[in-house]
């Protein structure tokens, strides 16, 4: 049986991305990235579940991604936030693994959810 360190090592290997499923076509196309990495500032994650090209993962990578998904589903690790109109949530995508549930646009025509991407350097 593999240990957690082996799974982390597999998450540090390059994982192939499906560039056709990229969120913003204007972004730089990434063929592969490491889900888990470290730098001088600490541990970094780049986990875009919907972009991973699963058919191109090897067995160990599939198991490591599966172990990560299992860990992320642990109730004690999940914080749910409810945002109200006017609320702003700023997070660092590199150090906070996050997701969001479904949302409904406003019922007023032509006033959809306003979602901006901001890069702070």
PDB file of N, CA and C in Angstrom:
ATOM      1  N   UNK A   1       0.833  -1.181   0.000  1.00  0.00           N
ATOM      2  CA  UNK A   1       0.000   0.000   0.000  1.00  0.00           C
ATOM      3  C   UNK A   1       0.887   1.258   0.000  1.00  0.00           C
ATOM      4  N   UNK A   2       0.525   2.232  -0.820  1.00  0.00           N
ATOM      5  CA  UNK A   2       1.308   3.453  -0.916  1.00  0.00           C
ATOM      6  C   UNK A   2       1.012   4.368   0.258  1.00  0.00           C
ATOM      7  N   UNK A   3       2.006   5.149   0.640  1.00  0.00           N
ATOM      8  CA  UNK A   3       1.794   6.087   1.741  1.00  0.00           C
ATOM      9  C   UNK A   3       1.409   7.464   1.197  1.00  0.00           C
ATOM     10  N   UNK A   4       1.014   8.348   2.105  1.00  0.00           N
ATOM     11  CA  UNK A   4       0.588   9.696   1.717  1.00  0.00           C
ATOM     12  C   UNK A   4       1.693  10.440   0.981  1.00  0.00           C
ATOM     13  N   UNK A   5       2.956  10.206   1.378  1.00  0.00           N
ATOM     14  CA  UNK A   5       4.065  10.891   0.724  1.00  0.00           C
ATOM     15  C   UNK A   5       4.133  10.517  -0.747  1.00  0.00           C
ATOM     16  N   UNK A   6       3.838   9.246  -1.083  1.00  0.00           N
ATOM     17  CA  UNK A   6       3.839   8.818  -2.482  1.00  0.00           C
ATOM     18  C   UNK A   6       2.745   9.537  -3.261  1.00  0.00           C
ATOM     19  N   UNK A   7       1.576   9.701  -2.658  1.00  0.00           N
ATOM     20  CA  UNK A   7       0.472  10.408  -3.312  1.00  0.00           C
ATOM     21  C   UNK A   7       0.858  11.863  -3.559  1.00  0.00           C
ATOM     22  N   UNK A   8       1.488  12.474  -2.557  1.00  0.00           N
ATOM     23  CA  UNK A   8       1.929  13.867  -2.734  1.00  0.00           C
ATOM     24  C   UNK A   8       2.946  13.955  -3.860  1.00  0.00           C
ATOM     25  N   UNK A   9       3.843  13.004  -3.930  1.00  0.00           N
ATOM     26  CA  UNK A   9       4.838  13.010  -5.013  1.00  0.00           C
ATOM     27  C   UNK A   9       4.149  12.910  -6.373  1.00  0.00           C
ATOM     28  N   UNK A  10       3.099  12.098  -6.460  1.00  0.00           N
ATOM     29  CA  UNK A  10       2.376  11.968  -7.730  1.00  0.00           C
ATOM     30  C   UNK A  10       1.612  13.242  -8.070  1.00  0.00           C
ATOM     31  N   UNK A  11       1.142  13.988  -7.057  1.00  0.00           N
ATOM     32  CA  UNK A  11       0.478  15.266  -7.312  1.00  0.00           C
ATOM     33  C   UNK A  11       1.481  16.340  -7.727  1.00  0.00           C
ATOM     34  N   UNK A  12       2.760  16.119  -7.419  1.00  0.00           N
ATOM     35  CA  UNK A  12       3.805  17.063  -7.830  1.00  0.00           C
ATOM     36  C   UNK A  12       4.263  16.813  -9.272  1.00  0.00           C
ATOM     37  N   UNK A  13       3.917  15.665  -9.811  1.00  0.00           N
ATOM     38  CA  UNK A  13       4.240  15.373 -11.219  1.00  0.00           C
ATOM     39  C   UNK A  13       3.304  16.167 -12.124  1.00  0.00           C
ATOM     40  N   UNK A  14       3.738  16.439 -13.336  1.00  0.00           N
ATOM     41  CA  UNK A  14       2.897  17.167 -14.275  1.00  0.00           C
ATOM     42  C   UNK A  14       1.657  16.352 -14.626  1.00  0.00           C
ATOM     43  N   UNK A  15       0.521  17.009 -14.553  1.00  0.00           N
ATOM     44  CA  UNK A  15      -0.767  16.410 -14.883  1.00  0.00           C
ATOM     45  C   UNK A  15      -1.228  17.033 -16.199  1.00  0.00           C
ATOM     46  N   UNK A  16      -1.588  16.198 -17.182  1.00  0.00           N
ATOM     47  CA  UNK A  16      -2.013  16.763 -18.473  1.00  0.00           C
ATOM     48  C   UNK A  16      -3.356  17.476 -18.372  1.00  0.00           C
ATOM     49  N   UNK A  17      -3.438  18.626 -19.021  1.00  0.00           N
ATOM     50  CA  UNK A  17      -4.672  19.397 -19.082  1.00  0.00           C
ATOM     51  C   UNK A  17      -5.281  19.278 -20.471  1.00  0.00           C
ATOM     52  N   UNK A  18      -6.584  19.379 -20.518  1.00  0.00           N
ATOM     53  CA  UNK A  18      -7.322  19.420 -21.778  1.00  0.00           C
ATOM     54  C   UNK A  18      -7.553  20.895 -22.093  1.00  0.00           C
ATOM     55  N   UNK A  19      -6.755  21.445 -23.006  1.00  0.00           N
ATOM     56  CA  UNK A  19      -6.822  22.886 -23.287  1.00  0.00           C
ATOM     57  C   UNK A  19      -8.161  23.299 -23.897  1.00  0.00           C
ATOM     58  N   UNK A  20      -8.930  22.349 -24.413  1.00  0.00           N
ATOM     59  CA  UNK A  20     -10.241  22.693 -24.964  1.00  0.00           C
ATOM     60  C   UNK A  20     -11.248  22.995 -23.863  1.00  0.00           C
ATOM     61  N   UNK A  21     -10.912  22.651 -22.616  1.00  0.00           N
ATOM     62  CA  UNK A  21     -11.822  22.894 -21.491  1.00  0.00           C
ATOM     63  C   UNK A  21     -11.352  24.058 -20.629  1.00  0.00           C
ATOM     64  N   UNK A  22     -10.490  24.877 -21.177  1.00  0.00           N
ATOM     65  CA  UNK A  22      -9.966  26.029 -20.470  1.00  0.00           C
ATOM     66  C   UNK A  22     -11.084  27.029 -20.202  1.00  0.00           C
ATOM     67  N   UNK A  23     -11.092  27.632 -19.030  1.00  0.00           N
ATOM     68  CA  UNK A  23     -12.155  28.554 -18.641  1.00  0.00           C
ATOM     69  C   UNK A  23     -12.193  29.769 -19.549  1.00  0.00           C
ATOM     70  N   UNK A  24     -11.060  30.406 -19.745  1.00  0.00           N
ATOM     71  CA  UNK A  24     -10.995  31.608 -20.566  1.00  0.00           C
ATOM     72  C   UNK A  24     -10.074  31.340 -21.743  1.00  0.00           C
ATOM     73  N   UNK A  25     -10.610  31.277 -22.964  1.00  0.00           N
ATOM     74  CA  UNK A  25      -9.772  30.987 -24.128  1.00  0.00           C
ATOM     75  C   UNK A  25      -8.646  31.993 -24.334  1.00  0.00           C
ATOM     76  N   UNK A  26      -8.762  33.181 -23.737  1.00  0.00           N
ATOM     77  CA  UNK A  26      -7.712  34.195 -23.873  1.00  0.00           C
ATOM     78  C   UNK A  26      -6.515  33.900 -22.964  1.00  0.00           C
ATOM     79  N   UNK A  27      -6.691  33.027 -21.972  1.00  0.00           N
ATOM     80  CA  UNK A  27      -5.585  32.673 -21.082  1.00  0.00           C
ATOM     81  C   UNK A  27      -4.552  31.843 -21.836  1.00  0.00           C
ATOM     82  N   UNK A  28      -3.339  31.856 -21.325  1.00  0.00           N
ATOM     83  CA  UNK A  28      -2.283  31.029 -21.894  1.00  0.00           C
ATOM     84  C   UNK A  28      -2.686  29.559 -21.777  1.00  0.00           C
ATOM     85  N   UNK A  29      -2.577  28.828 -22.880  1.00  0.00           N
ATOM     86  CA  UNK A  29      -2.923  27.406 -22.875  1.00  0.00           C
ATOM     87  C   UNK A  29      -1.855  26.621 -22.117  1.00  0.00           C
ATOM     88  N   UNK A  30      -2.297  25.815 -21.173  1.00  0.00           N
ATOM     89  CA  UNK A  30      -1.383  24.986 -20.395  1.00  0.00           C
ATOM     90  C   UNK A  30      -1.591  23.526 -20.781  1.00  0.00           C
ATOM     91  N   UNK A  31      -0.525  22.888 -21.246  1.00  0.00           N
ATOM     92  CA  UNK A  31      -0.616  21.471 -21.602  1.00  0.00           C
ATOM     93  C   UNK A  31      -0.591  20.574 -20.372  1.00  0.00           C
ATOM     94  N   UNK A  32       0.184  20.979 -19.370  1.00  0.00           N
ATOM     95  CA  UNK A  32       0.322  20.169 -18.156  1.00  0.00           C
ATOM     96  C   UNK A  32       0.819  21.064 -17.028  1.00  0.00           C
ATOM     97  N   UNK A  33       0.365  20.762 -15.823  1.00  0.00           N
ATOM     98  CA  UNK A  33       0.820  21.479 -14.628  1.00  0.00           C
ATOM     99  C   UNK A  33       0.906  20.503 -13.465  1.00  0.00           C
ATOM    100  N   UNK A  34       1.639  20.887 -12.445  1.00  0.00           N
ATOM    101  CA  UNK A  34       1.668  20.115 -11.212  1.00  0.00           C
ATOM    102  C   UNK A  34       0.526  20.609 -10.332  1.00  0.00           C
ATOM    103  N   UNK A  35      -0.265  19.693  -9.795  1.00  0.00           N
ATOM    104  CA  UNK A  35      -1.358  20.072  -8.901  1.00  0.00           C
ATOM    105  C   UNK A  35      -0.791  20.637  -7.602  1.00  0.00           C
ATOM    106  N   UNK A  36       0.270  20.072  -7.117  1.00  0.00           N
ATOM    107  CA  UNK A  36       0.886  20.450  -5.848  1.00  0.00           C
ATOM    108  C   UNK A  36       2.314  20.895  -6.105  1.00  0.00           C
ATOM    109  N   UNK A  37       2.679  22.030  -5.548  1.00  0.00           N
ATOM    110  CA  UNK A  37       4.027  22.550  -5.736  1.00  0.00           C
ATOM    111  C   UNK A  37       4.404  23.345  -4.492  1.00  0.00           C
ATOM    112  N   UNK A  38       5.662  23.622  -4.346  1.00  0.00           N
ATOM    113  CA  UNK A  38       6.134  24.443  -3.224  1.00  0.00           C
ATOM    114  C   UNK A  38       7.080  25.501  -3.754  1.00  0.00           C
ATOM    115  N   UNK A  39       7.061  26.642  -3.091  1.00  0.00           N
ATOM    116  CA  UNK A  39       8.017  27.691  -3.395  1.00  0.00           C
ATOM    117  C   UNK A  39       8.415  28.349  -2.082  1.00  0.00           C
ATOM    118  N   UNK A  40       9.126  29.452  -2.163  1.00  0.00           N
ATOM    119  CA  UNK A  40       9.601  30.120  -0.947  1.00  0.00           C
ATOM    120  C   UNK A  40       8.452  30.560  -0.047  1.00  0.00           C
ATOM    121  N   UNK A  41       7.264  30.767  -0.635  1.00  0.00           N
ATOM    122  CA  UNK A  41       6.116  31.209   0.152  1.00  0.00           C
ATOM    123  C   UNK A  41       5.308  30.055   0.738  1.00  0.00           C
ATOM    124  N   UNK A  42       5.643  28.833   0.388  1.00  0.00           N
ATOM    125  CA  UNK A  42       4.934  27.681   0.937  1.00  0.00           C
ATOM    126  C   UNK A  42       4.321  26.798  -0.131  1.00  0.00           C
ATOM    127  N   UNK A  43       3.335  26.029   0.265  1.00  0.00           N
ATOM    128  CA  UNK A  43       2.672  25.081  -0.619  1.00  0.00           C
ATOM    129  C   UNK A  43       1.702  25.809  -1.543  1.00  0.00           C
ATOM    130  N   UNK A  44       1.661  25.379  -2.789  1.00  0.00           N
ATOM    131  CA  UNK A  44       0.771  25.966  -3.785  1.00  0.00           C
ATOM    132  C   UNK A  44      -0.027  24.852  -4.460  1.00  0.00           C
ATOM    133  N   UNK A  45      -1.291  25.149  -4.778  1.00  0.00           N
ATOM    134  CA  UNK A  45      -2.153  24.219  -5.502  1.00  0.00           C
ATOM    135  C   UNK A  45      -2.591  24.843  -6.817  1.00  0.00           C
ATOM    136  N   UNK A  46      -2.691  24.024  -7.821  1.00  0.00           N
ATOM    137  CA  UNK A  46      -3.334  24.398  -9.084  1.00  0.00           C
ATOM    138  C   UNK A  46      -4.196  23.197  -9.455  1.00  0.00           C
ATOM    139  N   UNK A  47      -5.415  23.223  -8.989  1.00  0.00           N
ATOM    140  CA  UNK A  47      -6.299  22.071  -9.144  1.00  0.00           C
ATOM    141  C   UNK A  47      -7.571  22.502  -9.848  1.00  0.00           C
ATOM    142  N   UNK A  48      -7.641  22.223 -11.102  1.00  0.00           N
ATOM    143  CA  UNK A  48      -8.808  22.532 -11.919  1.00  0.00           C
ATOM    144  C   UNK A  48      -9.389  21.203 -12.391  1.00  0.00           C
ATOM    145  N   UNK A  49     -10.227  20.622 -11.551  1.00  0.00           N
ATOM    146  CA  UNK A  49     -10.764  19.277 -11.775  1.00  0.00           C
ATOM    147  C   UNK A  49     -11.317  19.100 -13.180  1.00  0.00           C
ATOM    148  N   UNK A  50     -12.079  20.069 -13.647  1.00  0.00           N
ATOM    149  CA  UNK A  50     -12.733  19.952 -14.954  1.00  0.00           C
ATOM    150  C   UNK A  50     -11.755  20.043 -16.117  1.00  0.00           C
ATOM    151  N   UNK A  51     -10.519  20.500 -15.895  1.00  0.00           N
ATOM    152  CA  UNK A  51      -9.565  20.646 -16.986  1.00  0.00           C
ATOM    153  C   UNK A  51      -8.596  19.474 -17.117  1.00  0.00           C
ATOM    154  N   UNK A  52      -8.559  18.605 -16.142  1.00  0.00           N
ATOM    155  CA  UNK A  52      -7.598  17.506 -16.192  1.00  0.00           C
ATOM    156  C   UNK A  52      -7.999  16.522 -17.287  1.00  0.00           C
ATOM    157  N   UNK A  53      -7.035  16.122 -18.093  1.00  0.00           N
ATOM    158  CA  UNK A  53      -7.268  15.148 -19.162  1.00  0.00           C
ATOM    159  C   UNK A  53      -7.104  13.749 -18.555  1.00  0.00           C
ATOM    160  N   UNK A  54      -8.173  13.244 -17.945  1.00  0.00           N
ATOM    161  CA  UNK A  54      -8.102  11.983 -17.197  1.00  0.00           C
ATOM    162  C   UNK A  54      -7.654  10.803 -18.038  1.00  0.00           C
ATOM    163  N   UNK A  55      -7.997  10.788 -19.298  1.00  0.00           N
ATOM    164  CA  UNK A  55      -7.608   9.670 -20.163  1.00  0.00           C
ATOM    165  C   UNK A  55      -6.093   9.585 -20.320  1.00  0.00           C
ATOM    166  N   UNK A  56      -5.400  10.664 -20.060  1.00  0.00           N
ATOM    167  CA  UNK A  56      -3.943  10.683 -20.204  1.00  0.00           C
ATOM    168  C   UNK A  56      -3.204  10.508 -18.879  1.00  0.00           C
ATOM    169  N   UNK A  57      -3.923  10.331 -17.760  1.00  0.00           N
ATOM    170  CA  UNK A  57      -3.270  10.106 -16.469  1.00  0.00           C
ATOM    171  C   UNK A  57      -2.837   8.651 -16.354  1.00  0.00           C
ATOM    172  N   UNK A  58      -1.729   8.431 -15.665  1.00  0.00           N
ATOM    173  CA  UNK A  58      -1.365   7.039 -15.390  1.00  0.00           C
ATOM    174  C   UNK A  58      -2.083   6.595 -14.110  1.00  0.00           C
ATOM    175  N   UNK A  59      -1.978   5.339 -13.768  1.00  0.00           N
ATOM    176  CA  UNK A  59      -2.691   4.780 -12.621  1.00  0.00           C
ATOM    177  C   UNK A  59      -2.371   5.534 -11.337  1.00  0.00           C
ATOM    178  N   UNK A  60      -1.108   5.795 -11.098  1.00  0.00           N
ATOM    179  CA  UNK A  60      -0.710   6.471  -9.853  1.00  0.00           C
ATOM    180  C   UNK A  60      -1.274   7.889  -9.784  1.00  0.00           C
ATOM    181  N   UNK A  61      -1.296   8.587 -10.909  1.00  0.00           N
ATOM    182  CA  UNK A  61      -1.867   9.932 -10.923  1.00  0.00           C
ATOM    183  C   UNK A  61      -3.371   9.884 -10.665  1.00  0.00           C
ATOM    184  N   UNK A  62      -4.063   8.904 -11.277  1.00  0.00           N
ATOM    185  CA  UNK A  62      -5.505   8.772 -11.032  1.00  0.00           C
ATOM    186  C   UNK A  62      -5.771   8.502  -9.558  1.00  0.00           C
ATOM    187  N   UNK A  63      -4.966   7.638  -8.946  1.00  0.00           N
ATOM    188  CA  UNK A  63      -5.134   7.335  -7.528  1.00  0.00           C
ATOM    189  C   UNK A  63      -4.849   8.565  -6.665  1.00  0.00           C
ATOM    190  N   UNK A  64      -3.832   9.332  -7.019  1.00  0.00           N
ATOM    191  CA  UNK A  64      -3.492  10.526  -6.244  1.00  0.00           C
ATOM    192  C   UNK A  64      -4.601  11.572  -6.347  1.00  0.00           C
ATOM    193  N   UNK A  65      -5.148  11.775  -7.548  1.00  0.00           N
ATOM    194  CA  UNK A  65      -6.256  12.719  -7.717  1.00  0.00           C
ATOM    195  C   UNK A  65      -7.484  12.217  -6.958  1.00  0.00           C
ATOM    196  N   UNK A  66      -7.724  10.920  -6.994  1.00  0.00           N
ATOM    197  CA  UNK A  66      -8.836  10.344  -6.244  1.00  0.00           C
ATOM    198  C   UNK A  66      -8.669  10.541  -4.746  1.00  0.00           C
ATOM    199  N   UNK A  67      -7.449  10.361  -4.242  1.00  0.00           N
ATOM    200  CA  UNK A  67      -7.181  10.575  -2.814  1.00  0.00           C
ATOM    201  C   UNK A  67      -7.380  12.039  -2.443  1.00  0.00           C
ATOM    202  N   UNK A  68      -6.985  12.955  -3.333  1.00  0.00           N
ATOM    203  CA  UNK A  68      -7.197  14.381  -3.083  1.00  0.00           C
ATOM    204  C   UNK A  68      -8.686  14.694  -3.042  1.00  0.00           C
ATOM    205  N   UNK A  69      -9.457  14.153  -3.983  1.00  0.00           N
ATOM    206  CA  UNK A  69     -10.911  14.370  -4.000  1.00  0.00           C
ATOM    207  C   UNK A  69     -11.559  13.837  -2.722  1.00  0.00           C
ATOM    208  N   UNK A  70     -11.117  12.674  -2.263  1.00  0.00           N
ATOM    209  CA  UNK A  70     -11.644  12.101  -1.018  1.00  0.00           C
ATOM    210  C   UNK A  70     -11.335  13.012   0.157  1.00  0.00           C
ATOM    211  N   UNK A  71     -10.102  13.504   0.233  1.00  0.00           N
ATOM    212  CA  UNK A  71      -9.717  14.398   1.326  1.00  0.00           C
ATOM    213  C   UNK A  71     -10.523  15.694   1.280  1.00  0.00           C
ATOM    214  N   UNK A  72     -10.746  16.223   0.078  1.00  0.00           N
ATOM    215  CA  UNK A  72     -11.476  17.485  -0.045  1.00  0.00           C
ATOM    216  C   UNK A  72     -12.952  17.346   0.307  1.00  0.00           C
ATOM    217  N   UNK A  73     -13.461  16.127   0.305  1.00  0.00           N
ATOM    218  CA  UNK A  73     -14.869  15.894   0.641  1.00  0.00           C
ATOM    219  C   UNK A  73     -15.086  15.698   2.138  1.00  0.00           C
ATOM    220  N   UNK A  74     -14.015  15.680   2.915  1.00  0.00           N
ATOM    221  CA  UNK A  74     -14.138  15.495   4.365  1.00  0.00           C
ATOM    222  C   UNK A  74     -14.920  16.667   4.965  1.00  0.00           C
ATOM    223  N   UNK A  75     -15.992  16.381   5.684  1.00  0.00           N
ATOM    224  CA  UNK A  75     -16.824  17.458   6.240  1.00  0.00           C
ATOM    225  C   UNK A  75     -16.060  18.483   7.074  1.00  0.00           C
ATOM    226  N   UNK A  76     -15.065  18.063   7.818  1.00  0.00           N
ATOM    227  CA  UNK A  76     -14.314  18.985   8.659  1.00  0.00           C
ATOM    228  C   UNK A  76     -13.424  19.947   7.894  1.00  0.00           C
ATOM    229  N   UNK A  77     -13.216  19.679   6.613  1.00  0.00           N
ATOM    230  CA  UNK A  77     -12.356  20.547   5.812  1.00  0.00           C
ATOM    231  C   UNK A  77     -13.131  21.565   4.989  1.00  0.00           C
ATOM    232  N   UNK A  78     -14.426  21.476   5.003  1.00  0.00           N
ATOM    233  CA  UNK A  78     -15.249  22.321   4.139  1.00  0.00           C
ATOM    234  C   UNK A  78     -15.818  23.489   4.940  1.00  0.00           C
ATOM    235  N   UNK A  79     -15.624  24.672   4.424  1.00  0.00           N
ATOM    236  CA  UNK A  79     -16.239  25.873   5.010  1.00  0.00           C
ATOM    237  C   UNK A  79     -17.202  26.425   3.964  1.00  0.00           C
ATOM    238  N   UNK A  80     -18.460  26.518   4.329  1.00  0.00           N
ATOM    239  CA  UNK A  80     -19.449  27.059   3.394  1.00  0.00           C
ATOM    240  C   UNK A  80     -19.748  28.502   3.760  1.00  0.00           C
ATOM    241  N   UNK A  81     -19.717  29.360   2.764  1.00  0.00           N
ATOM    242  CA  UNK A  81     -19.981  30.777   2.966  1.00  0.00           C
ATOM    243  C   UNK A  81     -21.189  31.171   2.122  1.00  0.00           C
ATOM    244  N   UNK A  82     -22.022  31.990   2.668  1.00  0.00           N
ATOM    245  CA  UNK A  82     -23.164  32.509   1.918  1.00  0.00           C
ATOM    246  C   UNK A  82     -22.912  33.992   1.703  1.00  0.00           C
ATOM    247  N   UNK A  83     -22.753  34.391   0.458  1.00  0.00           N
ATOM    248  CA  UNK A  83     -22.522  35.795   0.146  1.00  0.00           C
ATOM    249  C   UNK A  83     -23.849  36.476  -0.133  1.00  0.00           C
ATOM    250  N   UNK A  84     -23.939  37.693   0.306  1.00  0.00           N
ATOM    251  CA  UNK A  84     -25.132  38.512   0.087  1.00  0.00           C
ATOM    252  C   UNK A  84     -24.808  39.584  -0.946  1.00  0.00           C
ATOM    253  N   UNK A  85     -25.824  40.178  -1.541  1.00  0.00           N
ATOM    254  CA  UNK A  85     -25.567  41.259  -2.496  1.00  0.00           C
ATOM    255  C   UNK A  85     -24.657  42.319  -1.889  1.00  0.00           C
ATOM    256  N   UNK A  86     -23.628  42.671  -2.639  1.00  0.00           N
ATOM    257  CA  UNK A  86     -22.667  43.664  -2.174  1.00  0.00           C
ATOM    258  C   UNK A  86     -21.448  43.073  -1.498  1.00  0.00           C
ATOM    259  N   UNK A  87     -21.478  41.797  -1.131  1.00  0.00           N
ATOM    260  CA  UNK A  87     -20.331  41.154  -0.500  1.00  0.00           C
ATOM    261  C   UNK A  87     -19.227  40.937  -1.526  1.00  0.00           C
ATOM    262  N   UNK A  88     -18.001  40.984  -1.052  1.00  0.00           N
ATOM    263  CA  UNK A  88     -16.831  40.710  -1.876  1.00  0.00           C
ATOM    264  C   UNK A  88     -16.016  39.651  -1.152  1.00  0.00           C
ATOM    265  N   UNK A  89     -15.547  38.660  -1.875  1.00  0.00           N
ATOM    266  CA  UNK A  89     -14.708  37.612  -1.311  1.00  0.00           C
ATOM    267  C   UNK A  89     -13.404  37.601  -2.088  1.00  0.00           C
ATOM    268  N   UNK A  90     -12.305  37.851  -1.409  1.00  0.00           N
ATOM    269  CA  UNK A  90     -10.985  37.811  -2.021  1.00  0.00           C
ATOM    270  C   UNK A  90     -10.238  36.618  -1.452  1.00  0.00           C
ATOM    271  N   UNK A  91      -9.737  35.770  -2.328  1.00  0.00           N
ATOM    272  CA  UNK A  91      -8.960  34.615  -1.883  1.00  0.00           C
ATOM    273  C   UNK A  91      -7.748  34.458  -2.784  1.00  0.00           C
ATOM    274  N   UNK A  92      -6.750  33.801  -2.290  1.00  0.00           N
ATOM    275  CA  UNK A  92      -5.567  33.491  -3.076  1.00  0.00           C
ATOM    276  C   UNK A  92      -5.758  32.080  -3.632  1.00  0.00           C
ATOM    277  N   UNK A  93      -5.997  31.975  -4.925  1.00  0.00           N
ATOM    278  CA  UNK A  93      -6.242  30.680  -5.556  1.00  0.00           C
ATOM    279  C   UNK A  93      -5.086  29.705  -5.398  1.00  0.00           C
ATOM    280  N   UNK A  94      -3.896  30.216  -5.165  1.00  0.00           N
ATOM    281  CA  UNK A  94      -2.742  29.335  -5.047  1.00  0.00           C
ATOM    282  C   UNK A  94      -2.630  28.628  -3.722  1.00  0.00           C
ATOM    283  N   UNK A  95      -3.239  29.182  -2.681  1.00  0.00           N
ATOM    284  CA  UNK A  95      -3.097  28.556  -1.362  1.00  0.00           C
ATOM    285  C   UNK A  95      -4.417  28.108  -0.765  1.00  0.00           C
ATOM    286  N   UNK A  96      -5.537  28.498  -1.370  1.00  0.00           N
ATOM    287  CA  UNK A  96      -6.847  28.086  -0.873  1.00  0.00           C
ATOM    288  C   UNK A  96      -7.541  27.269  -1.949  1.00  0.00           C
ATOM    289  N   UNK A  97      -7.773  26.009  -1.673  1.00  0.00           N
ATOM    290  CA  UNK A  97      -8.566  25.195  -2.597  1.00  0.00           C
ATOM    291  C   UNK A  97     -10.018  25.593  -2.385  1.00  0.00           C
ATOM    292  N   UNK A  98     -10.696  25.938  -3.448  1.00  0.00           N
ATOM    293  CA  UNK A  98     -12.057  26.424  -3.293  1.00  0.00           C
ATOM    294  C   UNK A  98     -12.913  25.972  -4.462  1.00  0.00           C
ATOM    295  N   UNK A  99     -14.175  26.050  -4.253  1.00  0.00           N
ATOM    296  CA  UNK A  99     -15.154  25.750  -5.286  1.00  0.00           C
ATOM    297  C   UNK A  99     -16.383  26.581  -4.991  1.00  0.00           C
ATOM    298  N   UNK A 100     -17.395  26.381  -5.769  1.00  0.00           N
ATOM    299  CA  UNK A 100     -18.648  27.073  -5.497  1.00  0.00           C
ATOM    300  C   UNK A 100     -19.785  26.204  -5.970  1.00  0.00           C
ATOM    301  N   UNK A 101     -20.902  26.375  -5.321  1.00  0.00           N
ATOM    302  CA  UNK A 101     -22.095  25.654  -5.717  1.00  0.00           C
ATOM    303  C   UNK A 101     -22.822  26.398  -6.817  1.00  0.00           C
ATOM    304  N   UNK A 102     -23.939  25.873  -7.184  1.00  0.00           N
ATOM    305  CA  UNK A 102     -24.753  26.515  -8.218  1.00  0.00           C
ATOM    306  C   UNK A 102     -25.267  27.854  -7.720  1.00  0.00           C
ATOM    307  N   UNK A 103     -25.539  28.728  -8.621  1.00  0.00           N
ATOM    308  CA  UNK A 103     -26.106  30.022  -8.275  1.00  0.00           C
ATOM    309  C   UNK A 103     -27.193  30.364  -9.282  1.00  0.00           C
ATOM    310  N   UNK A 104     -28.058  31.289  -8.888  1.00  0.00           N
ATOM    311  CA  UNK A 104     -29.094  31.784  -9.789  1.00  0.00           C
ATOM    312  C   UNK A 104     -28.841  33.257 -10.053  1.00  0.00           C
ATOM    313  N   UNK A 105     -28.963  33.649 -11.302  1.00  0.00           N
ATOM    314  CA  UNK A 105     -28.855  35.063 -11.628  1.00  0.00           C
ATOM    315  C   UNK A 105     -30.056  35.802 -11.055  1.00  0.00           C
ATOM    316  N   UNK A 106     -29.925  37.087 -10.953  1.00  0.00           N
ATOM    317  CA  UNK A 106     -31.045  37.913 -10.507  1.00  0.00           C
ATOM    318  C   UNK A 106     -32.240  37.697 -11.434  1.00  0.00           C
ATOM    319  N   UNK A 107     -33.392  37.922 -10.908  1.00  0.00           N
ATOM    320  CA  UNK A 107     -34.606  37.760 -11.701  1.00  0.00           C
ATOM    321  C   UNK A 107     -34.866  38.972 -12.597  1.00  0.00           C
ATOM    322  N   UNK A 108     -34.156  40.088 -12.339  1.00  0.00           N
ATOM    323  CA  UNK A 108     -34.329  41.291 -13.153  1.00  0.00           C
ATOM    324  C   UNK A 108     -33.609  41.084 -14.481  1.00  0.00           C
ATOM    325  N   UNK A 109     -34.306  41.253 -15.598  1.00  0.00           N
ATOM    326  CA  UNK A 109     -33.649  41.057 -16.903  1.00  0.00           C
ATOM    327  C   UNK A 109     -32.425  41.955 -17.077  1.00  0.00           C
ATOM    328  N   UNK A 110     -31.443  41.419 -17.765  1.00  0.00           N
ATOM    329  CA  UNK A 110     -30.215  42.135 -18.120  1.00  0.00           C
ATOM    330  C   UNK A 110     -29.355  42.552 -16.926  1.00  0.00           C
ATOM    331  N   UNK A 111     -29.508  41.891 -15.804  1.00  0.00           N
ATOM    332  CA  UNK A 111     -28.643  42.177 -14.654  1.00  0.00           C
ATOM    333  C   UNK A 111     -28.063  40.856 -14.127  1.00  0.00           C
ATOM    334  N   UNK A 112     -27.228  40.205 -14.916  1.00  0.00           N
ATOM    335  CA  UNK A 112     -26.672  38.918 -14.474  1.00  0.00           C
ATOM    336  C   UNK A 112     -25.649  39.099 -13.358  1.00  0.00           C
ATOM    337  N   UNK A 113     -25.275  37.982 -12.785  1.00  0.00           N
ATOM    338  CA  UNK A 113     -24.239  37.960 -11.756  1.00  0.00           C
ATOM    339  C   UNK A 113     -23.002  38.661 -12.299  1.00  0.00           C
ATOM    340  N   UNK A 114     -22.384  39.468 -11.481  1.00  0.00           N
ATOM    341  CA  UNK A 114     -21.198  40.199 -11.893  1.00  0.00           C
ATOM    342  C   UNK A 114     -19.983  39.511 -11.293  1.00  0.00           C
ATOM    343  N   UNK A 115     -19.189  38.872 -12.115  1.00  0.00           N
ATOM    344  CA  UNK A 115     -18.063  38.077 -11.660  1.00  0.00           C
ATOM    345  C   UNK A 115     -16.800  38.600 -12.354  1.00  0.00           C
ATOM    346  N   UNK A 116     -15.853  39.081 -11.577  1.00  0.00           N
ATOM    347  CA  UNK A 116     -14.614  39.618 -12.133  1.00  0.00           C
ATOM    348  C   UNK A 116     -13.436  38.790 -11.684  1.00  0.00           C
ATOM    349  N   UNK A 117     -12.467  38.663 -12.549  1.00  0.00           N
ATOM    350  CA  UNK A 117     -11.204  38.034 -12.192  1.00  0.00           C
ATOM    351  C   UNK A 117     -10.190  39.149 -11.998  1.00  0.00           C
ATOM    352  N   UNK A 118      -9.471  39.106 -10.898  1.00  0.00           N
ATOM    353  CA  UNK A 118      -8.511  40.143 -10.576  1.00  0.00           C
ATOM    354  C   UNK A 118      -7.177  39.485 -10.245  1.00  0.00           C
ATOM    355  N   UNK A 119      -6.137  39.914 -10.888  1.00  0.00           N
ATOM    356  CA  UNK A 119      -4.793  39.389 -10.619  1.00  0.00           C
ATOM    357  C   UNK A 119      -4.032  40.430  -9.815  1.00  0.00           C
ATOM    358  N   UNK A 120      -3.743  40.137  -8.552  1.00  0.00           N
ATOM    359  CA  UNK A 120      -2.946  41.022  -7.711  1.00  0.00           C
ATOM    360  C   UNK A 120      -1.525  40.463  -7.641  1.00  0.00           C
ATOM    361  N   UNK A 121      -0.589  41.299  -7.943  1.00  0.00           N
ATOM    362  CA  UNK A 121       0.808  40.834  -7.947  1.00  0.00           C
ATOM    363  C   UNK A 121       1.599  41.626  -6.934  1.00  0.00           C
TER     364      UNK A 121
END
